[in-house]
C-alpha atoms as a PDB file:
ATOM      1  CA  UNK A   1      22.132  16.030 -11.682  1.00  0.00           C
ATOM      2  CA  UNK A   2      19.162  15.251 -13.761  1.00  0.00           C
ATOM      3  CA  UNK A   3      17.814  11.763 -14.184  1.00  0.00           C
ATOM      4  CA  UNK A   4      15.334  10.147 -16.658  1.00  0.00           C
ATOM      5  CA  UNK A   5      14.477   6.194 -16.887  1.00  0.00           C
ATOM      6  CA  UNK A   6      12.250   4.149 -19.407  1.00  0.00           C
ATOM      7  CA  UNK A   7      11.480   0.533 -19.879  1.00  0.00           C
ATOM      8  CA  UNK A   8       9.254  -1.319 -22.853  1.00  0.00           C
ATOM      9  CA  UNK A   9       8.267  -4.495 -23.782  1.00  0.00           C
ATOM     10  CA  UNK A  10       9.376  -4.374 -27.058  1.00  0.00           C
ATOM     11  CA  UNK A  11       7.484  -5.919 -30.138  1.00  0.00           C
ATOM     12  CA  UNK A  12       8.165  -9.690 -29.746  1.00  0.00           C
ATOM     13  CA  UNK A  13       8.119 -10.401 -25.837  1.00  0.00           C
ATOM     14  CA  UNK A  14       4.799 -11.087 -23.992  1.00  0.00           C
ATOM     15  CA  UNK A  15       6.031  -9.779 -20.627  1.00  0.00           C
ATOM     16  CA  UNK A  16       8.703  -7.427 -19.508  1.00  0.00           C
ATOM     17  CA  UNK A  17      11.504  -8.710 -17.387  1.00  0.00           C
ATOM     18  CA  UNK A  18      13.652  -5.834 -17.283  1.00  0.00           C
ATOM     19  CA  UNK A  19      13.474  -3.204 -14.361  1.00  0.00           C
ATOM     20  CA  UNK A  20      15.139   0.036 -13.152  1.00  0.00           C
ATOM     21  CA  UNK A  21      15.689   1.867 -10.327  1.00  0.00           C
ATOM     22  CA  UNK A  22      16.382   5.636  -9.893  1.00  0.00           C
ATOM     23  CA  UNK A  23      16.685   6.508  -6.053  1.00  0.00           C
ATOM     24  CA  UNK A  24      18.036   9.373  -4.078  1.00  0.00           C
ATOM     25  CA  UNK A  25      18.815   9.107  -0.555  1.00  0.00           C
ATOM     26  CA  UNK A  26      19.980  11.853   1.727  1.00  0.00           C
ATOM     27  CA  UNK A  27      22.549  11.170   4.905  1.00  0.00           C
ATOM     28  CA  UNK A  28      23.281  13.214   7.598  1.00  0.00           C
ATOM     29  CA  UNK A  29      26.690  12.569   8.974  1.00  0.00           C
ATOM     30  CA  UNK A  30      28.283  14.634  11.609  1.00  0.00           C
ATOM     31  CA  UNK A  31      25.686  17.350  10.633  1.00  0.00           C
ATOM     32  CA  UNK A  32      26.558  17.106   7.126  1.00  0.00           C
ATOM     33  CA  UNK A  33      24.525  16.297   4.258  1.00  0.00           C
ATOM     34  CA  UNK A  34      25.579  13.649   1.874  1.00  0.00           C
ATOM     35  CA  UNK A  35      23.530  12.875  -1.264  1.00  0.00           C
ATOM     36  CA  UNK A  36      23.703   9.515  -2.898  1.00  0.00           C
ATOM     37  CA  UNK A  37      22.106   8.234  -6.185  1.00  0.00           C
ATOM     38  CA  UNK A  38      21.498   4.681  -6.960  1.00  0.00           C
ATOM     39  CA  UNK A  39      20.764   3.812 -10.388  1.00  0.00           C
ATOM     40  CA  UNK A  40      20.212   0.441 -11.743  1.00  0.00           C
ATOM     41  CA  UNK A  41      19.039  -1.437 -14.967  1.00  0.00           C
ATOM     42  CA  UNK A  42      18.280  -5.526 -14.673  1.00  0.00           C
ATOM     43  CA  UNK A  43      17.076  -8.002 -17.344  1.00  0.00           C
ATOM     44  CA  UNK A  44      15.618 -11.152 -15.799  1.00  0.00           C
ATOM     45  CA  UNK A  45      15.758 -14.446 -17.463  1.00  0.00           C
ATOM     46  CA  UNK A  46      13.626 -17.444 -16.641  1.00  0.00           C
ATOM     47  CA  UNK A  47      10.383 -16.617 -18.274  1.00  0.00           C
ATOM     48  CA  UNK A  48       7.199 -15.172 -16.966  1.00  0.00           C
ATOM     49  CA  UNK A  49       6.882 -15.301 -13.019  1.00  0.00           C
ATOM     50  CA  UNK A  50      10.835 -15.895 -12.775  1.00  0.00           C
ATOM     51  CA  UNK A  51      12.752 -13.252 -14.768  1.00  0.00           C
ATOM     52  CA  UNK A  52      10.632 -10.480 -13.568  1.00  0.00           C
ATOM     53  CA  UNK A  53      10.888 -11.605  -9.986  1.00  0.00           C
ATOM     54  CA  UNK A  54      14.713 -12.039 -10.115  1.00  0.00           C
ATOM     55  CA  UNK A  55      15.192  -8.440 -11.811  1.00  0.00           C
ATOM     56  CA  UNK A  56      12.423  -7.033  -9.595  1.00  0.00           C
ATOM     57  CA  UNK A  57      14.101  -8.359  -6.293  1.00  0.00           C
ATOM     58  CA  UNK A  58      17.532  -6.935  -7.535  1.00  0.00           C
ATOM     59  CA  UNK A  59      16.539  -3.416  -7.745  1.00  0.00           C
ATOM     60  CA  UNK A  60      14.344  -3.216  -4.948  1.00  0.00           C
ATOM     61  CA  UNK A  61      16.836  -4.843  -2.696  1.00  0.00           C
ATOM     62  CA  UNK A  62      19.147  -1.844  -4.251  1.00  0.00           C
ATOM     63  CA  UNK A  63      16.948   0.964  -2.622  1.00  0.00           C
ATOM     64  CA  UNK A  64      17.969  -0.325   0.945  1.00  0.00           C
ATOM     65  CA  UNK A  65      19.984   2.406   2.638  1.00  0.00           C
ATOM     66  CA  UNK A  66      23.097  -0.012   3.939  1.00  0.00           C
ATOM     67  CA  UNK A  67      24.226   0.362   0.040  1.00  0.00           C
ATOM     68  CA  UNK A  68      24.320   4.140  -0.173  1.00  0.00           C
ATOM     69  CA  UNK A  69      26.226   3.993   3.337  1.00  0.00           C
ATOM     70  CA  UNK A  70      28.697   1.542   1.946  1.00  0.00           C
ATOM     71  CA  UNK A  71      28.906   3.738  -1.666  1.00  0.00           C
ATOM     72  CA  UNK A  72      32.492   4.714  -0.679  1.00  0.00           C
ATOM     73  CA  UNK A  73      33.507   1.018   0.258  1.00  0.00           C
ATOM     74  CA  UNK A  74      33.540  -1.441  -2.818  1.00  0.00           C
ATOM     75  CA  UNK A  75      33.870  -4.506  -0.956  1.00  0.00           C
ATOM     76  CA  UNK A  76      30.616  -3.330   0.878  1.00  0.00           C
ATOM     77  CA  UNK A  77      28.824  -3.081  -2.296  1.00  0.00           C
ATOM     78  CA  UNK A  78      30.302  -6.623  -3.635  1.00  0.00           C
ATOM     79  CA  UNK A  79      28.851  -8.036  -0.256  1.00  0.00           C
ATOM     80  CA  UNK A  80      25.338  -6.773  -1.055  1.00  0.00           C
ATOM     81  CA  UNK A  81      25.493  -8.168  -4.669  1.00  0.00           C
ATOM     82  CA  UNK A  82      26.833 -11.301  -2.986  1.00  0.00           C
ATOM     83  CA  UNK A  83      23.386 -11.005  -0.931  1.00  0.00           C
ATOM     84  CA  UNK A  84      21.135 -10.754  -3.787  1.00  0.00           C
ATOM     85  CA  UNK A  85      22.723 -13.617  -5.442  1.00  0.00           C
ATOM     86  CA  UNK A  86      22.197 -15.750  -2.598  1.00  0.00           C
ATOM     87  CA  UNK A  87      18.443 -14.907  -2.326  1.00  0.00           C
ATOM     88  CA  UNK A  88      17.629 -15.032  -5.489  1.00  0.00           C
ATOM     89  CA  UNK A  89      19.458 -18.682  -5.957  1.00  0.00           C
ATOM     90  CA  UNK A  90      17.178 -19.538  -3.117  1.00  0.00           C
ATOM     91  CA  UNK A  91      14.318 -18.175  -4.475  1.00  0.00           C
ATOM     92  CA  UNK A  92      14.748 -19.821  -7.492  1.00  0.00           C
ATOM     93  CA  UNK A  93      14.678 -23.450  -5.745  1.00  0.00           C
ATOM     94  CA  UNK A  94      11.690 -22.415  -3.883  1.00  0.00           C
ATOM     95  CA  UNK A  95       9.768 -21.654  -7.138  1.00  0.00           C
ATOM     96  CA  UNK A  96      11.453 -24.726  -8.799  1.00  0.00           C
ATOM     97  CA  UNK A  97      12.190 -22.354 -11.485  1.00  0.00           C
ATOM     98  CA  UNK A  98      15.410 -21.296 -12.981  1.00  0.00           C
ATOM     99  CA  UNK A  99      16.088 -17.739 -12.604  1.00  0.00           C
ATOM    100  CA  UNK A 100      18.705 -14.854 -12.653  1.00  0.00           C
ATOM    101  CA  UNK A 101      19.222 -11.325 -13.848  1.00  0.00           C
ATOM    102  CA  UNK A 102      21.746  -9.184 -15.036  1.00  0.00           C
ATOM    103  CA  UNK A 103      22.574  -6.172 -13.222  1.00  0.00           C
ATOM    104  CA  UNK A 104      24.207  -2.764 -14.087  1.00  0.00           C
ATOM    105  CA  UNK A 105      24.349  -0.373 -11.231  1.00  0.00           C
ATOM    106  CA  UNK A 106      25.831   2.849 -10.355  1.00  0.00           C
ATOM    107  CA  UNK A 107      26.295   4.555  -6.614  1.00  0.00           C
ATOM    108  CA  UNK A 108      27.094   8.261  -6.938  1.00  0.00           C
ATOM    109  CA  UNK A 109      27.994  10.833  -4.735  1.00  0.00           C
ATOM    110  CA  UNK A 110      28.824  14.301  -6.079  1.00  0.00           C
ATOM    111  CA  UNK A 111      30.909  13.608  -9.248  1.00  0.00           C
ATOM    112  CA  UNK A 112      32.135  10.161  -8.210  1.00  0.00           C
ATOM    113  CA  UNK A 113      30.625   7.047  -9.207  1.00  0.00           C
ATOM    114  CA  UNK A 114      30.914   3.629  -8.626  1.00  0.00           C
ATOM    115  CA  UNK A 115      29.783   1.298 -11.553  1.00  0.00           C
ATOM    116  CA  UNK A 116      28.943  -2.594 -11.098  1.00  0.00           C
ATOM    117  CA  UNK A 117      28.078  -5.162 -13.682  1.00  0.00           C
ATOM    118  CA  UNK A 118      27.065  -8.579 -14.056  1.00  0.00           C
ATOM    119  CA  UNK A 119      25.841 -10.043 -17.382  1.00  0.00           C
ATOM    120  CA  UNK A 120      25.484  -8.027 -20.425  1.00  0.00           C
ATOM    121  CA  UNK A 121      23.183  -5.015 -19.267  1.00  0.00           C
ATOM    122  CA  UNK A 122      25.742  -1.865 -20.092  1.00  0.00           C
ATOM    123  CA  UNK A 123      26.941   1.427 -19.016  1.00  0.00           C
ATOM    124  CA  UNK A 124      28.228   3.847 -21.525  1.00  0.00           C
ATOM    125  CA  UNK A 125      29.613   7.405 -20.804  1.00  0.00           C
ATOM    126  CA  UNK A 126      28.664  10.238 -23.383  1.00  0.00           C
ATOM    127  CA  UNK A 127      31.414  13.137 -23.100  1.00  0.00           C
ATOM    128  CA  UNK A 128      32.387  15.658 -25.645  1.00  0.00           C
ATOM    129  CA  UNK A 129      29.849  14.445 -28.041  1.00  0.00           C
ATOM    130  CA  UNK A 130      31.647  10.809 -27.773  1.00  0.00           C
ATOM    131  CA  UNK A 131      30.304   7.676 -26.518  1.00  0.00           C
ATOM    132  CA  UNK A 132      32.459   5.177 -24.596  1.00  0.00           C
ATOM    133  CA  UNK A 133      31.140   1.869 -23.334  1.00  0.00           C
ATOM    134  CA  UNK A 134      32.438   1.211 -19.798  1.00  0.00           C
ATOM    135  CA  UNK A 135      31.411  -1.987 -18.935  1.00  0.00           C
ATOM    136  CA  UNK A 136      32.190  -5.039 -20.620  1.00  0.00           C
ATOM    137  CA  UNK A 137      29.870  -8.110 -21.189  1.00  0.00           C
ATOM    138  CA  UNK A 138      29.831 -11.362 -19.742  1.00  0.00           C
ATOM    139  CA  UNK A 139      29.293 -13.226 -22.619  1.00  0.00           C
ATOM    140  CA  UNK A 140      30.311 -16.141 -24.970  1.00  0.00           C
ATOM    141  CA  UNK A 141      30.479 -13.528 -27.824  1.00  0.00           C
ATOM    142  CA  UNK A 142      32.578 -11.335 -25.452  1.00  0.00           C
ATOM    143  CA  UNK A 143      35.290 -14.066 -24.803  1.00  0.00           C
ATOM    144  CA  UNK A 144      35.273 -14.757 -28.579  1.00  0.00           C
ATOM    145  CA  UNK A 145      36.114 -11.121 -29.375  1.00  0.00           C
ATOM    146  CA  UNK A 146      38.873 -10.759 -26.446  1.00  0.00           C
ATOM    147  CA  UNK A 147      40.498 -13.566 -28.281  1.00  0.00           C
ATOM    148  CA  UNK A 148      40.534 -11.916 -31.574  1.00  0.00           C
ATOM    149  CA  UNK A 149      38.703 -14.692 -32.996  1.00  0.00           C
ATOM    150  CA  UNK A 150      35.560 -12.683 -34.345  1.00  0.00           C
ATOM    151  CA  UNK A 151      35.334  -8.736 -35.057  1.00  0.00           C
ATOM    152  CA  UNK A 152      32.738  -6.180 -33.572  1.00  0.00           C
ATOM    153  CA  UNK A 153      30.554  -6.690 -36.616  1.00  0.00           C
ATOM    154  CA  UNK A 154      30.602 -10.408 -36.429  1.00  0.00           C
ATOM    155  CA  UNK A 155      29.589 -10.368 -32.765  1.00  0.00           C
ATOM    156  CA  UNK A 156      26.572  -8.176 -33.875  1.00  0.00           C
ATOM    157  CA  UNK A 157      24.917 -10.995 -35.701  1.00  0.00           C
ATOM    158  CA  UNK A 158      26.619 -13.905 -34.099  1.00  0.00           C
ATOM    159  CA  UNK A 159      24.645 -17.137 -32.987  1.00  0.00           C
ATOM    160  CA  UNK A 160      25.571 -16.902 -29.589  1.00  0.00           C
ATOM    161  CA  UNK A 161      25.045 -13.150 -28.706  1.00  0.00           C
ATOM    162  CA  UNK A 162      22.523 -13.690 -26.179  1.00  0.00           C
ATOM    163  CA  UNK A 163      24.371 -16.428 -24.137  1.00  0.00           C
ATOM    164  CA  UNK A 164      25.925 -14.617 -20.998  1.00  0.00           C
ATOM    165  CA  UNK A 165      28.467 -16.280 -18.508  1.00  0.00           C
ATOM    166  CA  UNK A 166      27.312 -14.571 -15.659  1.00  0.00           C
ATOM    167  CA  UNK A 167      24.267 -13.862 -14.193  1.00  0.00           C
ATOM    168  CA  UNK A 168      22.866 -13.035 -10.294  1.00  0.00           C
ATOM    169  CA  UNK A 169      20.956 -16.103  -9.172  1.00  0.00           C
ATOM    170  CA  UNK A 170      22.474 -18.693 -11.345  1.00  0.00           C
ATOM    171  CA  UNK A 171      24.939 -19.954  -9.408  1.00  0.00           C
ATOM    172  CA  UNK A 172      26.137 -20.084  -5.909  1.00  0.00           C
ATOM    173  CA  UNK A 173      28.270 -17.047  -6.079  1.00  0.00           C
ATOM    174  CA  UNK A 174      29.002 -14.046  -8.306  1.00  0.00           C
ATOM    175  CA  UNK A 175      31.886 -11.770  -8.969  1.00  0.00           C
ATOM    176  CA  UNK A 176      30.758  -8.678 -10.168  1.00  0.00           C
ATOM    177  CA  UNK A 177      33.062  -6.259 -12.335  1.00  0.00           C
ATOM    178  CA  UNK A 178      33.676  -2.449 -11.009  1.00  0.00           C
ATOM    179  CA  UNK A 179      34.606   0.659 -12.294  1.00  0.00           C
ATOM    180  CA  UNK A 180      35.331   4.008 -10.916  1.00  0.00           C
ATOM    181  CA  UNK A 181      34.133   7.252 -12.785  1.00  0.00           C
ATOM    182  CA  UNK A 182      34.423  10.841 -12.301  1.00  0.00           C
ATOM    183  CA  UNK A 183      32.049  12.832 -14.296  1.00  0.00           C
ATOM    184  CA  UNK A 184      32.393  16.432 -15.926  1.00  0.00           C
ATOM    185  CA  UNK A 185      29.599  18.888 -16.409  1.00  0.00           C
ATOM    186  CA  UNK A 186      27.849  17.630 -19.309  1.00  0.00           C
ATOM    187  CA  UNK A 187      28.706  14.161 -19.245  1.00  0.00           C
ATOM    188  CA  UNK A 188      25.662  11.701 -19.778  1.00  0.00           C
ATOM    189  CA  UNK A 189      25.755   8.286 -18.074  1.00  0.00           C
ATOM    190  CA  UNK A 190      23.712   5.794 -19.857  1.00  0.00           C
ATOM    191  CA  UNK A 191      23.010   2.311 -18.379  1.00  0.00           C
ATOM    192  CA  UNK A 192      20.855  -0.020 -20.586  1.00  0.00           C
ATOM    193  CA  UNK A 193      19.650  -3.515 -21.045  1.00  0.00           C
ATOM    194  CA  UNK A 194      20.543  -5.790 -24.461  1.00  0.00           C
ATOM    195  CA  UNK A 195      17.227  -4.929 -25.967  1.00  0.00           C
ATOM    196  CA  UNK A 196      18.966  -1.631 -26.625  1.00  0.00           C
ATOM    197  CA  UNK A 197      22.500  -2.382 -27.641  1.00  0.00           C
ATOM    198  CA  UNK A 198      21.393  -5.500 -29.422  1.00  0.00           C
ATOM    199  CA  UNK A 199      19.257  -3.404 -31.546  1.00  0.00           C
ATOM    200  CA  UNK A 200      21.053  -0.248 -31.811  1.00  0.00           C
ATOM    201  CA  UNK A 201      24.769   0.606 -32.868  1.00  0.00           C
ATOM    202  CA  UNK A 202      26.887   2.519 -30.683  1.00  0.00           C
ATOM    203  CA  UNK A 203      26.878   5.060 -33.417  1.00  0.00           C
ATOM    204  CA  UNK A 204      23.136   5.133 -33.525  1.00  0.00           C
ATOM    205  CA  UNK A 205      22.907   5.700 -29.900  1.00  0.00           C
ATOM    206  CA  UNK A 206      25.699   8.500 -30.013  1.00  0.00           C
ATOM    207  CA  UNK A 207      23.793  10.169 -32.804  1.00  0.00           C
ATOM    208  CA  UNK A 208      20.714  10.265 -30.596  1.00  0.00           C
ATOM    209  CA  UNK A 209      22.715  11.819 -27.791  1.00  0.00           C
ATOM    210  CA  UNK A 210      23.993  14.656 -30.189  1.00  0.00           C
ATOM    211  CA  UNK A 211      20.642  15.247 -31.538  1.00  0.00           C
ATOM    212  CA  UNK A 212      18.666  15.553 -28.403  1.00  0.00           C
ATOM    213  CA  UNK A 213      18.981  17.911 -25.362  1.00  0.00           C
ATOM    214  CA  UNK A 214      16.588  16.440 -23.064  1.00  0.00           C
ATOM    215  CA  UNK A 215      17.126  13.050 -21.257  1.00  0.00           C
ATOM    216  CA  UNK A 216      13.230  12.160 -21.764  1.00  0.00           C
ATOM    217  CA  UNK A 217      13.783  12.791 -25.464  1.00  0.00           C
ATOM    218  CA  UNK A 218      17.163  10.935 -25.810  1.00  0.00           C
ATOM    219  CA  UNK A 219      15.510   8.063 -23.776  1.00  0.00           C
ATOM    220  CA  UNK A 220      12.023   7.838 -25.923  1.00  0.00           C
ATOM    221  CA  UNK A 221      14.011   8.292 -28.914  1.00  0.00           C
ATOM    222  CA  UNK A 222      16.225   4.983 -28.238  1.00  0.00           C
ATOM    223  CA  UNK A 223      13.260   3.052 -27.171  1.00  0.00           C
ATOM    224  CA  UNK A 224      11.330   3.866 -30.227  1.00  0.00           C
ATOM    225  CA  UNK A 225      14.388   3.223 -32.586  1.00  0.00           C
ATOM    226  CA  UNK A 226      14.951   0.178 -30.920  1.00  0.00           C
ATOM    227  CA  UNK A 227      11.414  -1.144 -31.507  1.00  0.00           C
ATOM    228  CA  UNK A 228      11.907   0.096 -35.193  1.00  0.00           C
ATOM    229  CA  UNK A 229      14.318  -2.086 -35.744  1.00  0.00           C
ATOM    230  CA  UNK A 230      12.721  -5.071 -34.576  1.00  0.00           C
ATOM    231  CA  UNK A 231      12.115  -4.531 -31.162  1.00  0.00           C
ATOM    232  CA  UNK A 232      13.310  -8.237 -30.411  1.00  0.00           C
ATOM    233  CA  UNK A 233      13.541  -7.883 -26.428  1.00  0.00           C
ATOM    234  CA  UNK A 234      12.400  -5.958 -23.561  1.00  0.00           C
ATOM    235  CA  UNK A 235      14.132  -2.412 -23.552  1.00  0.00           C
ATOM    236  CA  UNK A 236      15.065  -0.290 -20.524  1.00  0.00           C
ATOM    237  CA  UNK A 237      17.424   2.624 -20.186  1.00  0.00           C
ATOM    238  CA  UNK A 238      18.464   5.077 -17.493  1.00  0.00           C
ATOM    239  CA  UNK A 239      20.020   8.233 -18.276  1.00  0.00           C
ATOM    240  CA  UNK A 240      21.946  10.750 -15.940  1.00  0.00           C
ATOM    241  CA  UNK A 241      23.139  14.293 -16.863  1.00  0.00           C
ATOM    242  CA  UNK A 242      25.639  16.024 -14.821  1.00  0.00           C
END
């Protein structure tokens, strides 16, 4: 598996509240080696010295070995995300600043991946030249879409498109969505913040994945286009090719 990550401040923000993680952990059990990858993207909120604290704390904690031990146990990963939620909530009260963060994370062993998300950072799967969104945003606009009150096109320009309904650290508890994926050779997993998918349509991201082979070229082109189209927010991508 090849992996690449990139984060950019964008053209409008004064600081970067995004964070990402690419971590590999080798674990030996009964004389056998198990290799886990932990990939994550987090988009902090709360302004300078708050948002980046929340996102940074989240990805830093995800590097912990216990998460990889629990990779086959969904409830175990849920407990760790719950722990992160409490820690950030406590930090928010300590700093007397509202803070929180989105999270989309993948814990991967061999061709099996567990995906978790809170907020509107997303996971996509690119397979057979087609891009498919895996996660569902926790947002006001997504709720309107689910109810059939707006179209996908209207969602892109809706005045409340950046209002999320769930984040890590903003409430006493959090309930991440979870997905299980089995990867085929040639698949690409894309994790990204809303600074990417707010600026680029799924069709534009798909076209970049079709055009370029190397993950660094794909990642750099996604960020370049997001900035070219306005760069209204920090933009972060993590890519994995199987």
